[in-house]
């Protein structure tokens, strides 16, 4: 299980959320699999990036995750 931010720098900001969600499962492991060793996931990610997308949000304020990406 990756448990320290230094082990997986890209997910440092998500680590606390992951730890919280992990308590909902009896057994869980989060492991890093390089894209070169996970061709199916890499293919799915590439296909998803090619798809047109849009965000529909109906609230007075934008969610924090959306405003941080702008």
Protein backbone atom coordinates (compact mmCIF):
# COMPACT_ATOMS: atom_id res chain seq x y z
CA UNK A 1 0.00 0.00 0.00
CA UNK A 2 1.29 3.41 -0.91
CA UNK A 3 0.97 5.39 2.29
CA UNK A 4 3.51 8.18 2.14
CA UNK A 5 3.33 11.17 -0.26
CA UNK A 6 6.97 10.62 -1.22
CA UNK A 7 6.08 7.19 -2.62
CA UNK A 8 3.59 8.59 -5.10
CA UNK A 9 4.02 12.38 -5.49
CA UNK A 10 1.23 12.81 -8.05
CA UNK A 11 -1.35 11.64 -5.50
CA UNK A 12 -0.05 13.58 -2.50
CA UNK A 13 -3.11 15.85 -2.47
CA UNK A 14 -5.47 12.85 -2.58
CA UNK A 15 -3.80 10.77 0.12
CA UNK A 16 -6.02 11.90 3.02
CA UNK A 17 -9.18 11.25 0.96
CA UNK A 18 -7.87 7.83 0.00
CA UNK A 19 -7.16 6.99 3.65
CA UNK A 20 -10.69 8.04 4.61
CA UNK A 21 -12.34 6.02 1.83
CA UNK A 22 -10.15 3.03 2.57
CA UNK A 23 -11.87 2.58 5.94
CA UNK A 24 -15.05 1.62 4.05
CA UNK A 25 -13.46 -1.60 2.75
CA UNK A 26 -12.35 -4.73 4.58
CA UNK A 27 -9.33 -5.26 2.34
CA UNK A 28 -7.73 -2.74 0.05
CA UNK A 29 -4.41 -2.10 -1.61
CA UNK A 30 -3.40 0.81 -3.77
CA UNK A 31 -0.46 0.02 -5.96
CA UNK A 32 1.34 1.91 -8.67
CA UNK A 33 1.34 0.22 -12.05
CA UNK A 34 3.37 2.02 -14.71
CA UNK A 35 1.40 2.83 -17.86
CA UNK A 36 3.82 0.76 -19.89
CA UNK A 37 2.74 -2.30 -17.88
CA UNK A 38 -1.00 -1.58 -18.01
CA UNK A 39 -1.88 -1.35 -21.67
CA UNK A 40 -5.64 -1.67 -21.15
CA UNK A 41 -5.84 1.28 -18.74
CA UNK A 42 -3.56 3.32 -20.98
CA UNK A 43 -5.79 2.58 -23.97
CA UNK A 44 -8.95 3.54 -22.04
CA UNK A 45 -7.35 6.80 -20.85
CA UNK A 46 -6.28 7.68 -24.39
CA UNK A 47 -9.81 7.01 -25.71
CA UNK A 48 -11.37 9.11 -22.94
CA UNK A 49 -9.13 12.07 -23.76
CA UNK A 50 -10.24 11.91 -27.41
CA UNK A 51 -13.94 12.08 -26.50
CA UNK A 52 -15.56 15.51 -26.48
CA UNK A 53 -16.70 16.45 -23.00
CA UNK A 54 -18.41 19.23 -21.15
CA UNK A 55 -19.38 20.01 -17.59
CA UNK A 56 -22.94 20.83 -16.57
CA UNK A 57 -23.22 22.43 -13.16
CA UNK A 58 -26.41 23.89 -11.75
CA UNK A 59 -25.57 25.74 -8.57
CA UNK A 60 -24.87 29.30 -7.55
CA UNK A 61 -21.17 28.56 -7.01
CA UNK A 62 -18.70 26.39 -8.86
CA UNK A 63 -17.24 23.44 -6.94
CA UNK A 64 -13.73 23.94 -5.58
CA UNK A 65 -12.26 21.15 -7.72
CA UNK A 66 -13.50 22.92 -10.86
CA UNK A 67 -12.29 26.39 -9.97
CA UNK A 68 -8.82 25.05 -9.08
CA UNK A 69 -8.45 23.62 -12.57
CA UNK A 70 -9.17 26.92 -14.34
